[in-house]
């Protein structure tokens, strides 16, 4: 029901056309916040919408240079949205859309999805390998690897 309601309300969002509404994909529903995070098919941006008082766009999260959006994760602490693109992982502020952090994919790695452990940072999956976003690193590193950032 929530998903149906979200699709019906997109017509009210400025800038979205009827064709865009039909092509929209709901990436993440957050019923307790009354938020949805959506992208258009083959999209390179994520729209954060608040449905608590009608349809209120909070932010547009752009993945410049990252390619198509593959997955998103909302980190409730600080309201950060993790956006996985074909060529990297970005963290944005959900209210302003400001880019907080950014990591490139290692050479030759094709990302497939995000795993979100409880209380931790999401892990990028590629086949049976997992990669993590270390603070201060410019690229994702294999999970569990000891890395020195000197």
C-alpha atoms as a PDB file:
ATOM      1  CA  UNK A   1       0.000   0.000   0.000  1.00  0.00           C
ATOM      2  CA  UNK A   2       2.796   2.422   0.929  1.00  0.00           C
ATOM      3  CA  UNK A   3       4.535   1.764  -2.400  1.00  0.00           C
ATOM      4  CA  UNK A   4       1.277   2.329  -4.337  1.00  0.00           C
ATOM      5  CA  UNK A   5       0.685   5.572  -2.441  1.00  0.00           C
ATOM      6  CA  UNK A   6       4.225   6.744  -3.245  1.00  0.00           C
ATOM      7  CA  UNK A   7       3.773   6.118  -6.968  1.00  0.00           C
ATOM      8  CA  UNK A   8       0.447   7.967  -6.995  1.00  0.00           C
ATOM      9  CA  UNK A   9       1.881  11.037  -5.269  1.00  0.00           C
ATOM     10  CA  UNK A  10       4.843  11.573  -7.595  1.00  0.00           C
ATOM     11  CA  UNK A  11       2.678  13.629  -9.922  1.00  0.00           C
ATOM     12  CA  UNK A  12       2.788  16.411  -7.325  1.00  0.00           C
ATOM     13  CA  UNK A  13       6.592  16.666  -7.296  1.00  0.00           C
ATOM     14  CA  UNK A  14       7.817  19.681  -9.306  1.00  0.00           C
ATOM     15  CA  UNK A  15       9.993  18.728 -12.246  1.00  0.00           C
ATOM     16  CA  UNK A  16       8.671  15.211 -12.647  1.00  0.00           C
ATOM     17  CA  UNK A  17       6.601  14.530 -15.721  1.00  0.00           C
ATOM     18  CA  UNK A  18       3.994  11.819 -16.139  1.00  0.00           C
ATOM     19  CA  UNK A  19       6.523   9.775 -18.127  1.00  0.00           C
ATOM     20  CA  UNK A  20       9.059  10.130 -15.342  1.00  0.00           C
ATOM     21  CA  UNK A  21       6.497   8.958 -12.793  1.00  0.00           C
ATOM     22  CA  UNK A  22       5.931   5.744 -14.704  1.00  0.00           C
ATOM     23  CA  UNK A  23       9.675   5.128 -14.998  1.00  0.00           C
ATOM     24  CA  UNK A  24      10.458   5.816 -11.319  1.00  0.00           C
ATOM     25  CA  UNK A  25      11.901   3.076  -9.129  1.00  0.00           C
ATOM     26  CA  UNK A  26      11.437   3.138  -5.363  1.00  0.00           C
ATOM     27  CA  UNK A  27      14.848   2.238  -3.999  1.00  0.00           C
ATOM     28  CA  UNK A  28      14.076   2.555  -0.308  1.00  0.00           C
ATOM     29  CA  UNK A  29      10.923   3.032   1.735  1.00  0.00           C
ATOM     30  CA  UNK A  30      11.234   4.348   5.297  1.00  0.00           C
ATOM     31  CA  UNK A  31       7.685   4.116   6.689  1.00  0.00           C
ATOM     32  CA  UNK A  32       8.505   5.357  10.220  1.00  0.00           C
ATOM     33  CA  UNK A  33       9.987   8.595   8.781  1.00  0.00           C
ATOM     34  CA  UNK A  34       7.430   8.646   5.953  1.00  0.00           C
ATOM     35  CA  UNK A  35      10.270   8.984   3.451  1.00  0.00           C
ATOM     36  CA  UNK A  36      10.912   7.366   0.103  1.00  0.00           C
ATOM     37  CA  UNK A  37      14.137   7.451  -1.878  1.00  0.00           C
ATOM     38  CA  UNK A  38      13.563   7.133  -5.609  1.00  0.00           C
ATOM     39  CA  UNK A  39      15.450   7.250  -8.866  1.00  0.00           C
ATOM     40  CA  UNK A  40      14.310   7.073 -12.437  1.00  0.00           C
ATOM     41  CA  UNK A  41      15.106   3.954 -14.437  1.00  0.00           C
ATOM     42  CA  UNK A  42      18.818   4.062 -15.350  1.00  0.00           C
ATOM     43  CA  UNK A  43      19.004   7.161 -13.118  1.00  0.00           C
ATOM     44  CA  UNK A  44      22.114   8.930 -11.904  1.00  0.00           C
ATOM     45  CA  UNK A  45      20.402  10.807  -9.046  1.00  0.00           C
ATOM     46  CA  UNK A  46      18.342   9.859  -6.000  1.00  0.00           C
ATOM     47  CA  UNK A  47      15.402  11.993  -4.904  1.00  0.00           C
ATOM     48  CA  UNK A  48      14.665  12.036  -1.131  1.00  0.00           C
ATOM     49  CA  UNK A  49      10.936  12.669  -0.592  1.00  0.00           C
ATOM     50  CA  UNK A  50       9.099  13.324   2.683  1.00  0.00           C
ATOM     51  CA  UNK A  51       5.471  12.152   2.570  1.00  0.00           C
ATOM     52  CA  UNK A  52       4.492  13.313   6.070  1.00  0.00           C
ATOM     53  CA  UNK A  53       2.900  16.577   4.843  1.00  0.00           C
ATOM     54  CA  UNK A  54       2.057  15.860   1.237  1.00  0.00           C
ATOM     55  CA  UNK A  55       5.044  15.259  -1.026  1.00  0.00           C
ATOM     56  CA  UNK A  56       8.007  17.384   0.025  1.00  0.00           C
ATOM     57  CA  UNK A  57      11.332  16.971  -1.815  1.00  0.00           C
ATOM     58  CA  UNK A  58      14.129  17.089   0.771  1.00  0.00           C
ATOM     59  CA  UNK A  59      17.149  16.685  -1.501  1.00  0.00           C
ATOM     60  CA  UNK A  60      18.464  15.430  -4.815  1.00  0.00           C
ATOM     61  CA  UNK A  61      21.572  13.273  -4.415  1.00  0.00           C
ATOM     62  CA  UNK A  62      23.661  13.325  -7.589  1.00  0.00           C
ATOM     63  CA  UNK A  63      26.197  10.641  -8.452  1.00  0.00           C
ATOM     64  CA  UNK A  64      28.363  12.727 -10.777  1.00  0.00           C
ATOM     65  CA  UNK A  65      30.889  10.453 -12.448  1.00  0.00           C
ATOM     66  CA  UNK A  66      29.582   7.373 -10.640  1.00  0.00           C
ATOM     67  CA  UNK A  67      27.292   6.059 -13.353  1.00  0.00           C
ATOM     68  CA  UNK A  68      23.882   4.497 -12.790  1.00  0.00           C
ATOM     69  CA  UNK A  69      22.562   4.178  -9.214  1.00  0.00           C
ATOM     70  CA  UNK A  70      22.682   0.540  -8.084  1.00  0.00           C
ATOM     71  CA  UNK A  71      21.620   0.721  -4.409  1.00  0.00           C
ATOM     72  CA  UNK A  72      20.980   3.090  -1.524  1.00  0.00           C
ATOM     73  CA  UNK A  73      21.049   2.818   2.252  1.00  0.00           C
ATOM     74  CA  UNK A  74      19.779   5.316   4.841  1.00  0.00           C
ATOM     75  CA  UNK A  75      21.972   5.569   7.926  1.00  0.00           C
ATOM     76  CA  UNK A  76      19.553   6.891  10.523  1.00  0.00           C
ATOM     77  CA  UNK A  77      22.276   8.418  12.709  1.00  0.00           C
ATOM     78  CA  UNK A  78      22.912  11.792  11.114  1.00  0.00           C
ATOM     79  CA  UNK A  79      20.405  11.035   8.303  1.00  0.00           C
ATOM     80  CA  UNK A  80      23.109  10.087   5.812  1.00  0.00           C
ATOM     81  CA  UNK A  81      22.263   8.336   2.549  1.00  0.00           C
ATOM     82  CA  UNK A  82      24.820   5.956   1.063  1.00  0.00           C
ATOM     83  CA  UNK A  83      24.500   5.827  -2.747  1.00  0.00           C
ATOM     84  CA  UNK A  84      26.257   3.059  -4.681  1.00  0.00           C
ATOM     85  CA  UNK A  85      26.940   3.850  -8.325  1.00  0.00           C
ATOM     86  CA  UNK A  86      28.639   1.751 -10.972  1.00  0.00           C
ATOM     87  CA  UNK A  87      32.007   3.376 -10.251  1.00  0.00           C
ATOM     88  CA  UNK A  88      31.909   4.237  -6.564  1.00  0.00           C
ATOM     89  CA  UNK A  89      30.165   4.880  -3.276  1.00  0.00           C
ATOM     90  CA  UNK A  90      29.050   8.309  -2.028  1.00  0.00           C
ATOM     91  CA  UNK A  91      27.562   9.484   1.269  1.00  0.00           C
ATOM     92  CA  UNK A  92      25.174  12.449   1.210  1.00  0.00           C
ATOM     93  CA  UNK A  93      23.294  14.473   3.800  1.00  0.00           C
ATOM     94  CA  UNK A  94      19.627  13.517   3.304  1.00  0.00           C
ATOM     95  CA  UNK A  95      18.324  17.033   3.997  1.00  0.00           C
ATOM     96  CA  UNK A  96      20.684  19.186   1.935  1.00  0.00           C
ATOM     97  CA  UNK A  97      22.025  16.721  -0.640  1.00  0.00           C
ATOM     98  CA  UNK A  98      25.578  17.792   0.298  1.00  0.00           C
ATOM     99  CA  UNK A  99      28.260  15.226  -0.534  1.00  0.00           C
ATOM    100  CA  UNK A 100      29.838  14.111   2.757  1.00  0.00           C
ATOM    101  CA  UNK A 101      32.261  11.378   1.637  1.00  0.00           C
ATOM    102  CA  UNK A 102      33.257   9.603  -1.577  1.00  0.00           C
ATOM    103  CA  UNK A 103      35.125   6.387  -2.523  1.00  0.00           C
ATOM    104  CA  UNK A 104      36.111   4.967  -5.929  1.00  0.00           C
ATOM    105  CA  UNK A 105      35.786   1.308  -6.824  1.00  0.00           C
ATOM    106  CA  UNK A 106      39.079  -0.607  -7.074  1.00  0.00           C
ATOM    107  CA  UNK A 107      40.231  -1.254 -10.647  1.00  0.00           C
ATOM    108  CA  UNK A 108      38.363  -4.165 -12.246  1.00  0.00           C
ATOM    109  CA  UNK A 109      35.708  -4.480  -9.517  1.00  0.00           C
ATOM    110  CA  UNK A 110      32.059  -4.357 -10.598  1.00  0.00           C
ATOM    111  CA  UNK A 111      29.755  -3.460  -7.671  1.00  0.00           C
ATOM    112  CA  UNK A 112      26.523  -5.401  -7.269  1.00  0.00           C
ATOM    113  CA  UNK A 113      24.916  -4.208  -4.034  1.00  0.00           C
ATOM    114  CA  UNK A 114      25.137  -2.891  -0.473  1.00  0.00           C
ATOM    115  CA  UNK A 115      24.957  -4.898   2.729  1.00  0.00           C
ATOM    116  CA  UNK A 116      24.060  -2.840   5.770  1.00  0.00           C
ATOM    117  CA  UNK A 117      25.263  -4.387   9.041  1.00  0.00           C
ATOM    118  CA  UNK A 118      23.510  -3.156  12.181  1.00  0.00           C
ATOM    119  CA  UNK A 119      25.294  -0.124  13.582  1.00  0.00           C
ATOM    120  CA  UNK A 120      28.096  -0.167  11.033  1.00  0.00           C
ATOM    121  CA  UNK A 121      29.003   1.186   7.633  1.00  0.00           C
ATOM    122  CA  UNK A 122      27.497  -0.552   4.604  1.00  0.00           C
ATOM    123  CA  UNK A 123      29.651  -3.014   2.691  1.00  0.00           C
ATOM    124  CA  UNK A 124      29.767  -3.055  -1.110  1.00  0.00           C
ATOM    125  CA  UNK A 125      29.373  -6.534  -2.597  1.00  0.00           C
ATOM    126  CA  UNK A 126      30.874  -7.807  -5.825  1.00  0.00           C
ATOM    127  CA  UNK A 127      30.419 -11.518  -6.430  1.00  0.00           C
ATOM    128  CA  UNK A 128      31.455 -13.222  -3.201  1.00  0.00           C
ATOM    129  CA  UNK A 129      33.788 -10.344  -2.189  1.00  0.00           C
ATOM    130  CA  UNK A 130      32.909  -7.460   0.124  1.00  0.00           C
ATOM    131  CA  UNK A 131      34.504  -4.012   0.184  1.00  0.00           C
ATOM    132  CA  UNK A 132      34.395  -1.371   2.889  1.00  0.00           C
ATOM    133  CA  UNK A 133      34.660   2.408   2.956  1.00  0.00           C
ATOM    134  CA  UNK A 134      37.482   3.403   5.274  1.00  0.00           C
ATOM    135  CA  UNK A 135      37.682   6.984   6.495  1.00  0.00           C
ATOM    136  CA  UNK A 136      40.566   8.782   4.825  1.00  0.00           C
ATOM    137  CA  UNK A 137      40.813   6.302   1.936  1.00  0.00           C
ATOM    138  CA  UNK A 138      40.101   7.359  -1.656  1.00  0.00           C
ATOM    139  CA  UNK A 139      38.889   3.921  -2.743  1.00  0.00           C
ATOM    140  CA  UNK A 140      37.005   0.960  -1.277  1.00  0.00           C
ATOM    141  CA  UNK A 141      39.183  -1.784   0.211  1.00  0.00           C
ATOM    142  CA  UNK A 142      38.482  -5.510   0.674  1.00  0.00           C
ATOM    143  CA  UNK A 143      36.610  -6.033   3.951  1.00  0.00           C
ATOM    144  CA  UNK A 144      38.829  -7.205   6.782  1.00  0.00           C
ATOM    145  CA  UNK A 145      42.040  -6.031   5.121  1.00  0.00           C
ATOM    146  CA  UNK A 146      44.543  -4.227   7.315  1.00  0.00           C
ATOM    147  CA  UNK A 147      45.326  -0.924   5.646  1.00  0.00           C
ATOM    148  CA  UNK A 148      47.751   1.804   6.663  1.00  0.00           C
ATOM    149  CA  UNK A 149      46.765   5.298   5.460  1.00  0.00           C
ATOM    150  CA  UNK A 150      50.143   6.923   6.091  1.00  0.00           C
END
